[in-house]
Amino acid sequence: MGPLQENGTDTVKITVGVADMKVSNDPEAILVTYSLGSCIGIAVYDPAVQVAGILHFMLPDSSLDPVKAKSRPYMFADTGIPPLFKEAYKLGAKKQRMRIIVAGGAQVLDQQGFFNIGKRNHMAVRKIFWKNRAMVSHEDVGGNVNRTVKLAVKDGSCRLKVSGRGELLV
């Protein structure tokens, strides 16, 4: 079976919804998150221990709605990113070995850029990563396209499907 073939009988697909986060060390698993518009998907992978995780967050800052942030921390960058890393660490991952992929942050429903949610989401990620000395391996953000991210736990292969550009191996 080649990288990221989902129709194999042994493959387990783990879907990461909007305002959701999943981490796995199951070598048969593929993590996938769909329809990243202004939302951002952060995929992390540690090859030494075969640990993968994806966060799909919607908004940059939990201060926008502290009550919602308590019940749905993965909705926001500042309350979603730390648990993504902490859950990966619990499975043996180490930050310095991690490959980090960032996708999304588009301007899809806000064509005039009035709210700039996608840009604000991207800036929040950059600020959090800079502060914590986390280096991004690959980034595909902005524009006005939706993206889907698929990450294989077995080998860390990551496919990024971008509207109008097809699927890329990153």
N, C-alpha and C. Protein backbone atom coordinates (compact mmCIF):
# COMPACT_ATOMS: atom_id res chain seq x y z
N MET A 1 0.84 -1.18 0.00
CA MET A 1 0.00 0.00 0.00
C MET A 1 0.88 1.24 0.00
N GLY A 2 0.68 2.16 -0.93
CA GLY A 2 1.46 3.39 -1.03
C GLY A 2 1.06 4.38 0.04
N PRO A 3 1.78 5.49 0.12
CA PRO A 3 1.47 6.48 1.15
C PRO A 3 0.05 7.02 1.01
N LEU A 4 -0.65 7.08 2.09
CA LEU A 4 -1.96 7.69 2.20
C LEU A 4 -3.03 7.08 1.31
N GLN A 5 -3.01 5.80 1.11
CA GLN A 5 -4.12 5.16 0.42
C GLN A 5 -5.15 4.80 1.47
N GLU A 6 -6.33 5.40 1.36
CA GLU A 6 -7.34 5.21 2.38
C GLU A 6 -8.20 3.99 2.17
N ASN A 7 -8.17 3.39 1.01
CA ASN A 7 -9.08 2.28 0.75
C ASN A 7 -8.49 0.93 1.08
N GLY A 8 -7.32 0.91 1.70
CA GLY A 8 -6.77 -0.36 2.16
C GLY A 8 -7.61 -0.88 3.32
N THR A 9 -7.67 -2.18 3.48
CA THR A 9 -8.54 -2.75 4.51
C THR A 9 -8.06 -2.47 5.93
N ASP A 10 -6.77 -2.22 6.11
CA ASP A 10 -6.24 -2.01 7.46
C ASP A 10 -6.22 -0.54 7.88
N THR A 11 -6.56 0.38 6.98
CA THR A 11 -6.46 1.80 7.27
C THR A 11 -7.61 2.27 8.15
N VAL A 12 -7.26 3.08 9.13
CA VAL A 12 -8.24 3.69 10.03
C VAL A 12 -8.24 5.19 9.75
N LYS A 13 -9.38 5.73 9.33
CA LYS A 13 -9.46 7.17 9.08
C LYS A 13 -9.99 7.85 10.34
N ILE A 14 -9.22 8.84 10.82
CA ILE A 14 -9.62 9.62 11.98
C ILE A 14 -9.93 11.03 11.49
N THR A 15 -11.20 11.40 11.55
CA THR A 15 -11.62 12.71 11.06
C THR A 15 -11.54 13.73 12.19
N VAL A 16 -10.90 14.85 11.86
CA VAL A 16 -10.79 15.96 12.79
C VAL A 16 -11.77 17.02 12.30
N GLY A 17 -12.84 17.24 13.08
CA GLY A 17 -13.86 18.20 12.69
C GLY A 17 -13.43 19.63 12.95
N VAL A 18 -14.35 20.56 12.69
CA VAL A 18 -14.11 21.97 12.97
C VAL A 18 -14.08 22.15 14.49
N ALA A 19 -13.14 22.92 14.98
CA ALA A 19 -12.95 23.15 16.42
C ALA A 19 -12.69 21.83 17.13
N ASP A 20 -11.79 21.03 16.54
CA ASP A 20 -11.51 19.68 17.03
C ASP A 20 -10.00 19.43 16.95
N MET A 21 -9.54 18.41 17.67
CA MET A 21 -8.14 18.03 17.66
C MET A 21 -8.05 16.54 17.93
N LYS A 22 -7.16 15.86 17.20
CA LYS A 22 -6.92 14.44 17.42
C LYS A 22 -5.42 14.18 17.30
N VAL A 23 -4.94 13.24 18.13
CA VAL A 23 -3.55 12.80 18.10
C VAL A 23 -3.57 11.28 18.11
N SER A 24 -2.66 10.66 17.34
CA SER A 24 -2.64 9.20 17.28
C SER A 24 -1.21 8.68 17.09
N ASN A 25 -1.00 7.47 17.60
CA ASN A 25 0.24 6.74 17.32
C ASN A 25 -0.09 5.38 16.69
N ASP A 26 -1.30 5.24 16.16
CA ASP A 26 -1.72 4.02 15.46
C ASP A 26 -1.15 4.06 14.05
N PRO A 27 -0.18 3.18 13.72
CA PRO A 27 0.46 3.24 12.40
C PRO A 27 -0.51 3.02 11.24
N GLU A 28 -1.68 2.48 11.50
CA GLU A 28 -2.66 2.27 10.43
C GLU A 28 -3.60 3.46 10.24
N ALA A 29 -3.43 4.49 11.06
CA ALA A 29 -4.35 5.63 11.02
C ALA A 29 -3.91 6.72 10.05
N ILE A 30 -4.91 7.36 9.48
CA ILE A 30 -4.72 8.57 8.69
C ILE A 30 -5.63 9.63 9.31
N LEU A 31 -5.04 10.73 9.73
CA LEU A 31 -5.82 11.84 10.26
C LEU A 31 -6.18 12.76 9.11
N VAL A 32 -7.42 13.24 9.10
CA VAL A 32 -7.85 14.11 8.01
C VAL A 32 -8.76 15.21 8.55
N THR A 33 -8.56 16.42 8.04
CA THR A 33 -9.47 17.52 8.33
C THR A 33 -9.84 18.18 7.01
N TYR A 34 -11.12 18.51 6.89
CA TYR A 34 -11.68 19.00 5.63
C TYR A 34 -12.05 20.48 5.73
N SER A 35 -12.16 21.09 4.55
CA SER A 35 -12.75 22.42 4.38
C SER A 35 -12.14 23.50 5.27
N LEU A 36 -10.82 23.59 5.23
CA LEU A 36 -10.15 24.69 5.93
C LEU A 36 -10.29 25.94 5.06
N GLY A 37 -11.17 26.83 5.45
CA GLY A 37 -11.32 28.11 4.76
C GLY A 37 -10.51 29.12 5.53
N SER A 38 -11.20 29.98 6.30
CA SER A 38 -10.49 30.93 7.17
C SER A 38 -9.92 30.21 8.39
N CYS A 39 -10.45 29.01 8.68
CA CYS A 39 -9.90 28.19 9.76
C CYS A 39 -8.47 27.78 9.42
N ILE A 40 -7.74 27.36 10.44
CA ILE A 40 -6.38 26.88 10.20
C ILE A 40 -6.26 25.46 10.73
N GLY A 41 -5.59 24.63 9.95
CA GLY A 41 -5.26 23.28 10.37
C GLY A 41 -3.77 23.22 10.67
N ILE A 42 -3.44 22.68 11.81
CA ILE A 42 -2.04 22.48 12.17
C ILE A 42 -1.82 20.99 12.30
N ALA A 43 -0.91 20.47 11.48
CA ALA A 43 -0.57 19.04 11.51
C ALA A 43 0.84 18.92 12.08
N VAL A 44 1.00 18.00 13.04
CA VAL A 44 2.32 17.76 13.64
C VAL A 44 2.66 16.27 13.50
N TYR A 45 3.95 16.01 13.32
CA TYR A 45 4.39 14.62 13.19
C TYR A 45 5.80 14.46 13.73
N ASP A 46 6.00 13.44 14.58
CA ASP A 46 7.32 13.10 15.08
C ASP A 46 7.69 11.74 14.49
N PRO A 47 8.65 11.69 13.57
CA PRO A 47 9.01 10.44 12.90
C PRO A 47 9.66 9.40 13.81
N ALA A 48 10.32 9.85 14.86
CA ALA A 48 11.03 8.91 15.74
C ALA A 48 10.07 7.99 16.49
N VAL A 49 8.89 8.50 16.82
CA VAL A 49 7.92 7.71 17.60
C VAL A 49 6.61 7.49 16.85
N GLN A 50 6.54 7.95 15.60
CA GLN A 50 5.34 7.82 14.77
C GLN A 50 4.10 8.33 15.49
N VAL A 51 4.15 9.61 15.87
CA VAL A 51 3.01 10.28 16.51
C VAL A 51 2.59 11.42 15.60
N ALA A 52 1.28 11.46 15.32
CA ALA A 52 0.73 12.50 14.46
C ALA A 52 -0.46 13.15 15.14
N GLY A 53 -0.69 14.41 14.82
CA GLY A 53 -1.84 15.11 15.36
C GLY A 53 -2.28 16.22 14.43
N ILE A 54 -3.57 16.55 14.50
CA ILE A 54 -4.11 17.67 13.73
C ILE A 54 -5.06 18.45 14.63
N LEU A 55 -4.95 19.77 14.56
CA LEU A 55 -5.87 20.71 15.19
C LEU A 55 -6.55 21.49 14.08
N HIS A 56 -7.86 21.69 14.17
CA HIS A 56 -8.62 22.50 13.22
C HIS A 56 -9.31 23.59 14.04
N PHE A 57 -8.71 24.79 14.09
CA PHE A 57 -9.30 25.86 14.89
C PHE A 57 -9.93 26.93 14.01
N MET A 58 -10.86 27.69 14.60
CA MET A 58 -11.65 28.66 13.86
C MET A 58 -11.25 30.12 14.08
N LEU A 59 -10.85 30.46 15.30
CA LEU A 59 -10.64 31.86 15.67
C LEU A 59 -9.31 32.03 16.39
N PRO A 60 -8.73 33.24 16.31
CA PRO A 60 -7.38 33.45 16.84
C PRO A 60 -7.26 33.51 18.35
N ASP A 61 -8.27 34.06 19.03
CA ASP A 61 -8.06 34.43 20.43
C ASP A 61 -9.27 34.10 21.28
N SER A 62 -9.05 33.32 22.32
CA SER A 62 -10.16 32.89 23.20
C SER A 62 -10.79 34.04 23.97
N SER A 63 -10.14 35.19 24.04
CA SER A 63 -10.74 36.33 24.75
C SER A 63 -11.99 36.83 24.03
N LEU A 64 -12.18 36.41 22.77
CA LEU A 64 -13.39 36.75 22.03
C LEU A 64 -14.63 36.14 22.69
N ASP A 65 -14.46 34.97 23.31
CA ASP A 65 -15.57 34.29 23.99
C ASP A 65 -15.01 33.32 25.02
N PRO A 66 -14.61 33.83 26.20
CA PRO A 66 -13.98 32.99 27.23
C PRO A 66 -14.85 31.80 27.68
N VAL A 67 -16.16 31.98 27.71
CA VAL A 67 -17.05 30.90 28.13
C VAL A 67 -16.98 29.75 27.12
N LYS A 68 -17.06 30.09 25.83
CA LYS A 68 -16.97 29.08 24.79
C LYS A 68 -15.59 28.43 24.78
N ALA A 69 -14.56 29.20 25.07
CA ALA A 69 -13.19 28.67 25.08
C ALA A 69 -13.04 27.59 26.14
N LYS A 70 -13.75 27.72 27.26
CA LYS A 70 -13.68 26.70 28.31
C LYS A 70 -14.33 25.39 27.85
N SER A 71 -15.46 25.49 27.17
CA SER A 71 -16.18 24.29 26.74
C SER A 71 -15.64 23.74 25.41
N ARG A 72 -15.07 24.61 24.55
CA ARG A 72 -14.56 24.18 23.25
C ARG A 72 -13.19 24.81 22.98
N PRO A 73 -12.16 24.36 23.70
CA PRO A 73 -10.84 25.00 23.59
C PRO A 73 -10.21 24.89 22.19
N TYR A 74 -10.59 23.88 21.42
CA TYR A 74 -9.98 23.70 20.09
C TYR A 74 -10.55 24.67 19.07
N MET A 75 -11.49 25.48 19.48
CA MET A 75 -12.08 26.49 18.59
C MET A 75 -11.10 27.65 18.36
N PHE A 76 -10.18 27.86 19.29
CA PHE A 76 -9.30 29.03 19.27
C PHE A 76 -7.82 28.61 19.19
N ALA A 77 -7.02 29.45 18.54
CA ALA A 77 -5.58 29.17 18.41
C ALA A 77 -4.91 29.08 19.78
N ASP A 78 -5.15 30.07 20.63
CA ASP A 78 -4.41 30.15 21.89
C ASP A 78 -4.77 29.06 22.90
N THR A 79 -5.98 28.50 22.79
CA THR A 79 -6.37 27.42 23.71
C THR A 79 -6.34 26.06 23.03
N GLY A 80 -6.12 26.02 21.71
CA GLY A 80 -6.08 24.76 20.98
C GLY A 80 -4.68 24.25 20.68
N ILE A 81 -3.76 25.15 20.40
CA ILE A 81 -2.40 24.74 20.03
C ILE A 81 -1.67 24.05 21.19
N PRO A 82 -1.68 24.61 22.40
CA PRO A 82 -0.96 23.92 23.49
C PRO A 82 -1.41 22.47 23.73
N PRO A 83 -2.72 22.17 23.77
CA PRO A 83 -3.12 20.78 23.97
C PRO A 83 -2.70 19.85 22.82
N LEU A 84 -2.63 20.37 21.59
CA LEU A 84 -2.17 19.55 20.46
C LEU A 84 -0.76 19.04 20.76
N PHE A 85 0.12 19.93 21.17
CA PHE A 85 1.49 19.54 21.47
C PHE A 85 1.56 18.66 22.72
N LYS A 86 0.81 19.02 23.75
CA LYS A 86 0.85 18.25 25.00
C LYS A 86 0.39 16.80 24.80
N GLU A 87 -0.65 16.61 23.99
CA GLU A 87 -1.13 15.24 23.72
C GLU A 87 -0.10 14.46 22.92
N ALA A 88 0.58 15.12 21.99
CA ALA A 88 1.64 14.46 21.22
C ALA A 88 2.81 14.10 22.15
N TYR A 89 3.15 14.99 23.07
CA TYR A 89 4.23 14.72 24.02
C TYR A 89 3.91 13.51 24.89
N LYS A 90 2.63 13.37 25.28
CA LYS A 90 2.22 12.23 26.11
C LYS A 90 2.49 10.90 25.41
N LEU A 91 2.49 10.92 24.06
CA LEU A 91 2.75 9.70 23.28
C LEU A 91 4.22 9.59 22.89
N GLY A 92 5.08 10.45 23.45
CA GLY A 92 6.52 10.34 23.23
C GLY A 92 7.11 11.32 22.24
N ALA A 93 6.29 12.18 21.63
CA ALA A 93 6.81 13.15 20.66
C ALA A 93 7.66 14.21 21.37
N LYS A 94 8.61 14.77 20.62
CA LYS A 94 9.45 15.85 21.12
C LYS A 94 9.40 16.99 20.11
N LYS A 95 9.25 18.21 20.63
CA LYS A 95 9.08 19.39 19.77
C LYS A 95 10.21 19.52 18.75
N GLN A 96 11.45 19.30 19.18
CA GLN A 96 12.59 19.51 18.28
C GLN A 96 12.63 18.53 17.11
N ARG A 97 11.90 17.41 17.20
CA ARG A 97 11.86 16.44 16.10
C ARG A 97 10.63 16.62 15.22
N MET A 98 9.69 17.41 15.68
CA MET A 98 8.40 17.50 14.99
C MET A 98 8.46 18.25 13.68
N ARG A 99 7.74 17.68 12.74
CA ARG A 99 7.46 18.35 11.47
C ARG A 99 6.11 19.03 11.66
N ILE A 100 6.03 20.33 11.37
CA ILE A 100 4.81 21.10 11.59
C ILE A 100 4.34 21.68 10.25
N ILE A 101 3.07 21.41 9.93
CA ILE A 101 2.48 21.91 8.69
C ILE A 101 1.28 22.77 9.06
N VAL A 102 1.20 23.94 8.44
CA VAL A 102 0.11 24.89 8.70
C VAL A 102 -0.62 25.14 7.38
N ALA A 103 -1.96 24.99 7.40
CA ALA A 103 -2.75 25.20 6.19
C ALA A 103 -4.05 25.91 6.53
N GLY A 104 -4.54 26.69 5.59
CA GLY A 104 -5.82 27.39 5.77
C GLY A 104 -5.62 28.89 5.78
N GLY A 105 -6.40 29.56 6.62
CA GLY A 105 -6.26 31.01 6.75
C GLY A 105 -6.68 31.78 5.52
N ALA A 106 -7.62 31.23 4.76
CA ALA A 106 -8.06 31.87 3.52
C ALA A 106 -9.12 32.93 3.81
N GLN A 107 -9.41 33.68 2.79
CA GLN A 107 -10.46 34.69 2.84
C GLN A 107 -11.57 34.18 1.93
N VAL A 108 -12.44 33.30 2.44
CA VAL A 108 -13.44 32.68 1.58
C VAL A 108 -14.80 33.37 1.60
N LEU A 109 -15.35 33.61 2.77
CA LEU A 109 -16.67 34.24 2.84
C LEU A 109 -16.57 35.75 2.98
N ASP A 110 -15.37 36.25 3.20
CA ASP A 110 -15.12 37.66 3.49
C ASP A 110 -14.24 38.23 2.36
N GLN A 111 -14.78 38.25 1.14
CA GLN A 111 -13.98 38.64 -0.03
C GLN A 111 -13.39 40.05 0.07
N GLN A 112 -14.08 40.97 0.76
CA GLN A 112 -13.57 42.33 0.89
C GLN A 112 -12.53 42.45 2.01
N GLY A 113 -12.34 41.40 2.78
CA GLY A 113 -11.34 41.44 3.84
C GLY A 113 -11.76 42.26 5.05
N PHE A 114 -13.08 42.41 5.24
CA PHE A 114 -13.58 43.23 6.35
C PHE A 114 -13.15 42.67 7.70
N PHE A 115 -13.31 41.36 7.90
CA PHE A 115 -12.99 40.75 9.19
C PHE A 115 -11.57 40.19 9.24
N ASN A 116 -11.04 39.79 8.10
CA ASN A 116 -9.68 39.24 8.01
C ASN A 116 -9.43 38.10 8.99
N ILE A 117 -10.43 37.23 9.20
CA ILE A 117 -10.29 36.12 10.15
C ILE A 117 -9.11 35.23 9.76
N GLY A 118 -9.00 34.88 8.47
CA GLY A 118 -7.92 34.00 8.02
C GLY A 118 -6.55 34.58 8.35
N LYS A 119 -6.36 35.86 8.05
CA LYS A 119 -5.08 36.51 8.35
C LYS A 119 -4.83 36.60 9.85
N ARG A 120 -5.87 36.90 10.60
CA ARG A 120 -5.73 36.99 12.05
C ARG A 120 -5.40 35.61 12.64
N ASN A 121 -6.02 34.56 12.10
CA ASN A 121 -5.70 33.20 12.54
C ASN A 121 -4.23 32.88 12.27
N HIS A 122 -3.77 33.22 11.08
CA HIS A 122 -2.39 32.94 10.71
C HIS A 122 -1.41 33.71 11.60
N MET A 123 -1.71 34.96 11.87
CA MET A 123 -0.84 35.76 12.74
C MET A 123 -0.80 35.18 14.16
N ALA A 124 -1.93 34.67 14.63
CA ALA A 124 -1.96 34.06 15.97
C ALA A 124 -1.04 32.84 16.02
N VAL A 125 -1.08 32.01 14.97
CA VAL A 125 -0.21 30.83 14.90
C VAL A 125 1.25 31.25 14.92
N ARG A 126 1.58 32.20 14.07
CA ARG A 126 2.98 32.66 13.98
C ARG A 126 3.48 33.19 15.33
N LYS A 127 2.63 33.95 16.00
CA LYS A 127 3.00 34.52 17.30
C LYS A 127 3.22 33.41 18.34
N ILE A 128 2.31 32.46 18.41
CA ILE A 128 2.41 31.37 19.38
C ILE A 128 3.65 30.51 19.09
N PHE A 129 3.88 30.20 17.81
CA PHE A 129 5.03 29.38 17.46
C PHE A 129 6.34 30.12 17.72
N TRP A 130 6.40 31.41 17.40
CA TRP A 130 7.61 32.19 17.64
C TRP A 130 7.93 32.21 19.14
N LYS A 131 6.90 32.48 19.94
CA LYS A 131 7.05 32.56 21.39
C LYS A 131 7.55 31.23 21.98
N ASN A 132 7.14 30.12 21.38
CA ASN A 132 7.49 28.79 21.89
C ASN A 132 8.60 28.11 21.09
N ARG A 133 9.23 28.86 20.21
CA ARG A 133 10.35 28.36 19.39
C ARG A 133 10.00 27.08 18.63
N ALA A 134 8.82 27.08 18.03
CA ALA A 134 8.40 25.96 17.18
C ALA A 134 8.58 26.37 15.73
N MET A 135 9.27 25.54 14.97
CA MET A 135 9.57 25.86 13.57
C MET A 135 8.59 25.16 12.63
N VAL A 136 7.98 25.93 11.73
CA VAL A 136 7.04 25.38 10.75
C VAL A 136 7.83 24.81 9.58
N SER A 137 7.50 23.57 9.20
CA SER A 137 8.17 22.90 8.09
C SER A 137 7.57 23.28 6.74
N HIS A 138 6.24 23.41 6.71
CA HIS A 138 5.56 23.76 5.46
C HIS A 138 4.31 24.55 5.80
N GLU A 139 4.04 25.55 4.96
CA GLU A 139 2.89 26.41 5.17
C GLU A 139 2.18 26.62 3.84
N ASP A 140 0.87 26.52 3.84
CA ASP A 140 0.05 26.83 2.67
C ASP A 140 -1.16 27.59 3.20
N VAL A 141 -1.06 28.92 3.20
CA VAL A 141 -2.10 29.75 3.82
C VAL A 141 -2.49 30.90 2.89
N GLY A 142 -3.65 31.48 3.22
CA GLY A 142 -4.12 32.66 2.51
C GLY A 142 -4.88 32.34 1.24
N GLY A 143 -5.01 33.34 0.41
CA GLY A 143 -5.77 33.18 -0.82
C GLY A 143 -7.26 33.10 -0.51
N ASN A 144 -8.01 32.52 -1.44
CA ASN A 144 -9.45 32.37 -1.22
C ASN A 144 -9.91 30.97 -1.59
N VAL A 145 -9.13 29.98 -1.17
CA VAL A 145 -9.42 28.57 -1.48
C VAL A 145 -9.58 27.74 -0.21
N ASN A 146 -10.35 26.69 -0.32
CA ASN A 146 -10.49 25.72 0.77
C ASN A 146 -9.38 24.69 0.65
N ARG A 147 -9.01 24.12 1.79
CA ARG A 147 -7.96 23.11 1.82
C ARG A 147 -8.39 21.93 2.69
N THR A 148 -7.85 20.74 2.33
CA THR A 148 -8.03 19.53 3.12
C THR A 148 -6.64 18.99 3.43
N VAL A 149 -6.43 18.53 4.67
CA VAL A 149 -5.13 17.99 5.08
C VAL A 149 -5.32 16.53 5.50
N LYS A 150 -4.46 15.65 4.96
CA LYS A 150 -4.45 14.24 5.34
C LYS A 150 -3.03 13.90 5.79
N LEU A 151 -2.92 13.28 6.97
CA LEU A 151 -1.62 12.96 7.55
C LEU A 151 -1.58 11.50 7.97
N ALA A 152 -0.62 10.74 7.42
CA ALA A 152 -0.47 9.32 7.75
C ALA A 152 0.44 9.15 8.96
N VAL A 153 -0.04 8.40 9.95
CA VAL A 153 0.75 8.18 11.16
C VAL A 153 1.97 7.31 10.87
N LYS A 154 1.83 6.34 9.98
CA LYS A 154 2.89 5.38 9.69
C LYS A 154 4.19 6.04 9.24
N ASP A 155 4.08 7.02 8.32
CA ASP A 155 5.30 7.59 7.76
C ASP A 155 5.32 9.12 7.71
N GLY A 156 4.26 9.76 8.22
CA GLY A 156 4.23 11.21 8.24
C GLY A 156 3.93 11.85 6.91
N SER A 157 3.62 11.03 5.88
CA SER A 157 3.30 11.65 4.59
C SER A 157 2.03 12.48 4.75
N CYS A 158 2.08 13.67 4.17
CA CYS A 158 0.97 14.61 4.31
C CYS A 158 0.52 15.07 2.94
N ARG A 159 -0.76 14.91 2.69
CA ARG A 159 -1.34 15.37 1.43
C ARG A 159 -2.21 16.59 1.72
N LEU A 160 -2.00 17.60 0.90
CA LEU A 160 -2.74 18.84 1.02
C LEU A 160 -3.55 19.01 -0.26
N LYS A 161 -4.86 18.98 -0.13
CA LYS A 161 -5.73 19.18 -1.29
C LYS A 161 -6.20 20.62 -1.27
N VAL A 162 -5.89 21.34 -2.35
CA VAL A 162 -6.20 22.75 -2.44
C VAL A 162 -7.14 22.96 -3.62
N SER A 163 -8.29 23.62 -3.38
CA SER A 163 -9.26 23.88 -4.44
C SER A 163 -8.57 24.56 -5.61
N GLY A 164 -8.75 24.01 -6.81
CA GLY A 164 -8.18 24.58 -8.02
C GLY A 164 -6.73 24.20 -8.27
N ARG A 165 -6.06 23.57 -7.32
CA ARG A 165 -4.66 23.18 -7.50
C ARG A 165 -4.44 21.69 -7.38
N GLY A 166 -5.46 20.95 -6.99
CA GLY A 166 -5.32 19.50 -6.83
C GLY A 166 -4.67 19.14 -5.50
N GLU A 167 -4.09 17.94 -5.46
CA GLU A 167 -3.51 17.40 -4.23
C GLU A 167 -1.99 17.43 -4.32
N LEU A 168 -1.35 17.93 -3.27
CA LEU A 168 0.10 18.02 -3.21
C LEU A 168 0.62 17.18 -2.06
N LEU A 169 1.76 16.55 -2.26
CA LEU A 169 2.43 15.84 -1.16
C LEU A 169 3.40 16.85 -0.55
N VAL A 170 3.22 17.14 0.76
CA VAL A 170 4.07 18.15 1.42
C VAL A 170 4.83 17.54 2.57
